[in-house]
Amino acid sequence: MQTVGGGDRNKAALAMIDETVAEMYSEDKQNRFLEVTYQNGDKEVLYFRDFSSGAMVENIVRRAKKLAIKRQLAGGARGIRTEDMVQSVRQEFTEHEDLPIRPTPGDWAKISGKKGERIVYVRTLVSKKTDESGGRAIEGIGTGQYL
């Protein structure tokens, strides 16, 4: 078992935070979430990090605690490990893959930061392990229509 931080709890906590944040904010393919197409034809990839919040971080920590408790009850090592945090990030992102995404395309412009361009199409980039299609289209909604 490798000790993070050389036995210093503060160093260990900082190292675990660094690795968890790196996992959450990486531009790896597994972190791609949506592709938006603007009226002018430009496309932009949005990552899970673009939707991160304090609630998401809280859920990740809660999941890591649960993993650590289960491991300890099964006779394993005590305490939260970096692997628990990274696994919790993956679990949290996987859970968000299945959320219904139904805002109007104009709402996406506020999220993506390109406020001047109208979004005309949104498609998910996440795919299930058995799905090789690389995502699914999200219903386009014309201006003036409500959900």
C-alpha atoms as a PDB file:
ATOM      1  CA  MET A   1       0.000   0.000   0.000  1.00  0.00           C
ATOM      2  CA  GLN A   2       1.451   3.347  -1.068  1.00  0.00           C
ATOM      3  CA  THR A   3       1.219   6.230   1.400  1.00  0.00           C
ATOM      4  CA  VAL A   4       0.283   9.559  -0.160  1.00  0.00           C
ATOM      5  CA  GLY A   5       1.961  12.615   1.350  1.00  0.00           C
ATOM      6  CA  GLY A   6       4.679  10.653   3.179  1.00  0.00           C
ATOM      7  CA  GLY A   7       2.492  10.179   6.245  1.00  0.00           C
ATOM      8  CA  ASP A   8       1.581  13.873   6.549  1.00  0.00           C
ATOM      9  CA  ARG A   9      -2.227  14.149   6.561  1.00  0.00           C
ATOM     10  CA  ASN A  10      -2.276  17.676   5.130  1.00  0.00           C
ATOM     11  CA  LYS A  11       0.038  16.726   2.262  1.00  0.00           C
ATOM     12  CA  ALA A  12      -2.025  13.596   1.636  1.00  0.00           C
ATOM     13  CA  ALA A  13      -5.266  15.586   1.528  1.00  0.00           C
ATOM     14  CA  LEU A  14      -3.757  18.130  -0.880  1.00  0.00           C
ATOM     15  CA  ALA A  15      -2.393  15.372  -3.136  1.00  0.00           C
ATOM     16  CA  MET A  16      -5.788  13.645  -3.181  1.00  0.00           C
ATOM     17  CA  ILE A  17      -7.526  16.924  -3.998  1.00  0.00           C
ATOM     18  CA  ASP A  18      -5.058  17.614  -6.823  1.00  0.00           C
ATOM     19  CA  GLU A  19      -5.602  14.197  -8.392  1.00  0.00           C
ATOM     20  CA  THR A  20      -9.380  14.397  -8.004  1.00  0.00           C
ATOM     21  CA  VAL A  21      -9.522  17.856  -9.588  1.00  0.00           C
ATOM     22  CA  ALA A  22      -7.242  16.687 -12.416  1.00  0.00           C
ATOM     23  CA  GLU A  23      -9.645  13.794 -13.065  1.00  0.00           C
ATOM     24  CA  MET A  24     -12.705  16.050 -12.991  1.00  0.00           C
ATOM     25  CA  TYR A  25     -11.285  18.743 -15.250  1.00  0.00           C
ATOM     26  CA  SER A  26      -9.306  16.698 -17.762  1.00  0.00           C
ATOM     27  CA  GLU A  27     -10.166  16.899 -21.440  1.00  0.00           C
ATOM     28  CA  ASP A  28     -10.008  13.131 -21.851  1.00  0.00           C
ATOM     29  CA  LYS A  29     -12.521  11.552 -24.194  1.00  0.00           C
ATOM     30  CA  GLN A  30     -14.325   9.966 -21.239  1.00  0.00           C
ATOM     31  CA  ASN A  31     -15.087  13.449 -19.857  1.00  0.00           C
ATOM     32  CA  ARG A  32     -16.758  14.733 -23.033  1.00  0.00           C
ATOM     33  CA  PHE A  33     -20.465  15.328 -22.437  1.00  0.00           C
ATOM     34  CA  LEU A  34     -22.163  17.407 -25.152  1.00  0.00           C
ATOM     35  CA  GLU A  35     -21.494  18.914 -28.542  1.00  0.00           C
ATOM     36  CA  VAL A  36     -23.369  22.101 -29.352  1.00  0.00           C
ATOM     37  CA  THR A  37     -23.750  23.536 -32.842  1.00  0.00           C
ATOM     38  CA  TYR A  38     -24.176  27.272 -33.220  1.00  0.00           C
ATOM     39  CA  GLN A  39     -26.241  29.018 -35.858  1.00  0.00           C
ATOM     40  CA  ASN A  40     -23.071  30.019 -37.735  1.00  0.00           C
ATOM     41  CA  GLY A  41     -22.018  26.339 -37.964  1.00  0.00           C
ATOM     42  CA  ASP A  42     -19.355  26.418 -35.258  1.00  0.00           C
ATOM     43  CA  LYS A  43     -19.309  23.452 -32.915  1.00  0.00           C
ATOM     44  CA  GLU A  44     -18.140  23.311 -29.331  1.00  0.00           C
ATOM     45  CA  VAL A  45     -17.541  20.344 -27.055  1.00  0.00           C
ATOM     46  CA  LEU A  46     -18.728  20.726 -23.479  1.00  0.00           C
ATOM     47  CA  TYR A  47     -17.209  18.563 -20.779  1.00  0.00           C
ATOM     48  CA  PHE A  48     -18.653  17.397 -17.477  1.00  0.00           C
ATOM     49  CA  ARG A  49     -16.453  20.061 -15.866  1.00  0.00           C
ATOM     50  CA  ASP A  50     -18.566  22.718 -17.569  1.00  0.00           C
ATOM     51  CA  PHE A  51     -21.463  21.562 -15.383  1.00  0.00           C
ATOM     52  CA  SER A  52     -19.575  21.085 -12.122  1.00  0.00           C
ATOM     53  CA  SER A  53     -20.972  22.573  -8.944  1.00  0.00           C
ATOM     54  CA  GLY A  54     -20.562  22.443  -5.211  1.00  0.00           C
ATOM     55  CA  ALA A  55     -23.311  19.828  -5.130  1.00  0.00           C
ATOM     56  CA  MET A  56     -21.363  17.636  -7.555  1.00  0.00           C
ATOM     57  CA  VAL A  57     -18.211  17.926  -5.420  1.00  0.00           C
ATOM     58  CA  GLU A  58     -20.240  17.090  -2.318  1.00  0.00           C
ATOM     59  CA  ASN A  59     -21.642  13.989  -4.051  1.00  0.00           C
ATOM     60  CA  ILE A  60     -18.151  12.873  -5.071  1.00  0.00           C
ATOM     61  CA  VAL A  61     -16.856  13.188  -1.502  1.00  0.00           C
ATOM     62  CA  ARG A  62     -19.926  11.405  -0.139  1.00  0.00           C
ATOM     63  CA  ARG A  63     -19.404   8.530  -2.589  1.00  0.00           C
ATOM     64  CA  ALA A  64     -15.711   8.290  -1.637  1.00  0.00           C
ATOM     65  CA  LYS A  65     -16.608   8.110   2.056  1.00  0.00           C
ATOM     66  CA  LYS A  66     -19.073   5.334   1.334  1.00  0.00           C
ATOM     67  CA  LEU A  67     -16.452   3.368  -0.625  1.00  0.00           C
ATOM     68  CA  ALA A  68     -13.962   3.770   2.237  1.00  0.00           C
ATOM     69  CA  ILE A  69     -16.473   2.591   4.840  1.00  0.00           C
ATOM     70  CA  LYS A  70     -17.436  -0.446   2.758  1.00  0.00           C
ATOM     71  CA  ARG A  71     -13.767  -1.337   2.280  1.00  0.00           C
ATOM     72  CA  GLN A  72     -13.044  -1.046   5.998  1.00  0.00           C
ATOM     73  CA  LEU A  73     -16.101  -3.144   6.928  1.00  0.00           C
ATOM     74  CA  ALA A  74     -14.854  -5.813   4.520  1.00  0.00           C
ATOM     75  CA  GLY A  75     -11.538  -5.884   6.394  1.00  0.00           C
ATOM     76  CA  GLY A  76      -9.618  -3.554   4.096  1.00  0.00           C
ATOM     77  CA  ALA A  77      -7.588  -0.432   4.736  1.00  0.00           C
ATOM     78  CA  ARG A  78      -9.059   2.414   6.776  1.00  0.00           C
ATOM     79  CA  GLY A  79      -9.680   5.893   5.390  1.00  0.00           C
ATOM     80  CA  ILE A  80     -10.413   7.536   2.077  1.00  0.00           C
ATOM     81  CA  ARG A  81      -7.888   6.780  -0.650  1.00  0.00           C
ATOM     82  CA  THR A  82      -7.146   8.599  -3.879  1.00  0.00           C
ATOM     83  CA  GLU A  83      -8.655   5.668  -5.780  1.00  0.00           C
ATOM     84  CA  ASP A  84     -11.915   6.213  -3.884  1.00  0.00           C
ATOM     85  CA  MET A  85     -12.037   9.828  -5.016  1.00  0.00           C
ATOM     86  CA  VAL A  86     -11.230   9.019  -8.654  1.00  0.00           C
ATOM     87  CA  GLN A  87     -13.762   6.173  -8.724  1.00  0.00           C
ATOM     88  CA  SER A  88     -16.350   8.519  -7.217  1.00  0.00           C
ATOM     89  CA  VAL A  89     -15.720  11.077  -9.973  1.00  0.00           C
ATOM     90  CA  ARG A  90     -16.370   8.373 -12.589  1.00  0.00           C
ATOM     91  CA  GLN A  91     -19.538   7.257 -10.787  1.00  0.00           C
ATOM     92  CA  GLU A  92     -20.847  10.810 -10.535  1.00  0.00           C
ATOM     93  CA  PHE A  93     -20.199  11.504 -14.226  1.00  0.00           C
ATOM     94  CA  THR A  94     -21.811   8.197 -15.218  1.00  0.00           C
ATOM     95  CA  GLU A  95     -24.904   9.134 -13.242  1.00  0.00           C
ATOM     96  CA  HIS A  96     -25.093  12.483 -15.047  1.00  0.00           C
ATOM     97  CA  GLU A  97     -24.936  10.777 -18.461  1.00  0.00           C
ATOM     98  CA  ASP A  98     -28.487   9.538 -17.970  1.00  0.00           C
ATOM     99  CA  LEU A  99     -30.037  12.812 -16.847  1.00  0.00           C
ATOM    100  CA  PRO A 100     -32.674  14.190 -19.210  1.00  0.00           C
ATOM    101  CA  ILE A 101     -31.349  17.263 -20.982  1.00  0.00           C
ATOM    102  CA  ARG A 102     -34.309  19.378 -22.034  1.00  0.00           C
ATOM    103  CA  PRO A 103     -33.518  23.109 -21.858  1.00  0.00           C
ATOM    104  CA  THR A 104     -34.105  25.303 -24.863  1.00  0.00           C
ATOM    105  CA  PRO A 105     -31.102  25.710 -27.162  1.00  0.00           C
ATOM    106  CA  GLY A 106     -30.830  29.359 -26.087  1.00  0.00           C
ATOM    107  CA  ASP A 107     -30.186  28.203 -22.531  1.00  0.00           C
ATOM    108  CA  TRP A 108     -27.088  26.363 -23.732  1.00  0.00           C
ATOM    109  CA  ALA A 109     -25.564  29.626 -24.980  1.00  0.00           C
ATOM    110  CA  LYS A 110     -25.543  30.931 -21.415  1.00  0.00           C
ATOM    111  CA  ILE A 111     -23.816  27.802 -20.178  1.00  0.00           C
ATOM    112  CA  SER A 112     -21.206  27.599 -22.916  1.00  0.00           C
ATOM    113  CA  GLY A 113     -20.101  31.204 -22.699  1.00  0.00           C
ATOM    114  CA  LYS A 114     -20.746  32.142 -26.340  1.00  0.00           C
ATOM    115  CA  LYS A 115     -23.643  34.445 -25.603  1.00  0.00           C
ATOM    116  CA  GLY A 116     -23.814  36.087 -28.999  1.00  0.00           C
ATOM    117  CA  GLU A 117     -24.446  32.931 -31.018  1.00  0.00           C
ATOM    118  CA  ARG A 118     -27.684  30.998 -30.989  1.00  0.00           C
ATOM    119  CA  ILE A 119     -27.401  27.248 -30.418  1.00  0.00           C
ATOM    120  CA  VAL A 120     -29.364  25.246 -32.957  1.00  0.00           C
ATOM    121  CA  TYR A 121     -28.408  21.658 -32.107  1.00  0.00           C
ATOM    122  CA  VAL A 122     -27.190  19.728 -29.078  1.00  0.00           C
ATOM    123  CA  ARG A 123     -25.997  16.125 -29.040  1.00  0.00           C
ATOM    124  CA  THR A 124     -24.596  13.983 -26.274  1.00  0.00           C
ATOM    125  CA  LEU A 125     -21.093  12.628 -26.698  1.00  0.00           C
ATOM    126  CA  VAL A 126     -21.246  10.015 -23.977  1.00  0.00           C
ATOM    127  CA  SER A 127     -21.964   6.489 -25.050  1.00  0.00           C
ATOM    128  CA  LYS A 128     -22.807   3.365 -23.155  1.00  0.00           C
ATOM    129  CA  LYS A 129     -20.202   0.619 -23.145  1.00  0.00           C
ATOM    130  CA  THR A 130     -22.431  -1.396 -25.491  1.00  0.00           C
ATOM    131  CA  ASP A 131     -23.256   1.599 -27.696  1.00  0.00           C
ATOM    132  CA  GLU A 132     -20.655   2.457 -30.302  1.00  0.00           C
ATOM    133  CA  SER A 133     -22.678   5.251 -31.912  1.00  0.00           C
ATOM    134  CA  GLY A 134     -20.967   7.938 -29.850  1.00  0.00           C
ATOM    135  CA  GLY A 135     -24.003   9.666 -28.484  1.00  0.00           C
ATOM    136  CA  ARG A 136     -27.532  10.669 -29.301  1.00  0.00           C
ATOM    137  CA  ALA A 137     -29.277  13.743 -30.578  1.00  0.00           C
ATOM    138  CA  ILE A 138     -31.255  15.893 -28.217  1.00  0.00           C
ATOM    139  CA  GLU A 139     -34.581  17.096 -29.540  1.00  0.00           C
ATOM    140  CA  GLY A 140     -34.268  20.482 -31.216  1.00  0.00           C
ATOM    141  CA  ILE A 141     -36.776  23.068 -30.066  1.00  0.00           C
ATOM    142  CA  GLY A 142     -37.673  26.057 -32.171  1.00  0.00           C
ATOM    143  CA  THR A 143     -37.816  29.570 -30.790  1.00  0.00           C
ATOM    144  CA  GLY A 144     -41.026  30.353 -28.932  1.00  0.00           C
ATOM    145  CA  GLN A 145     -41.868  26.773 -28.040  1.00  0.00           C
ATOM    146  CA  TYR A 146     -42.011  25.572 -24.479  1.00  0.00           C
ATOM    147  CA  LEU A 147     -41.112  22.221 -22.993  1.00  0.00           C
END
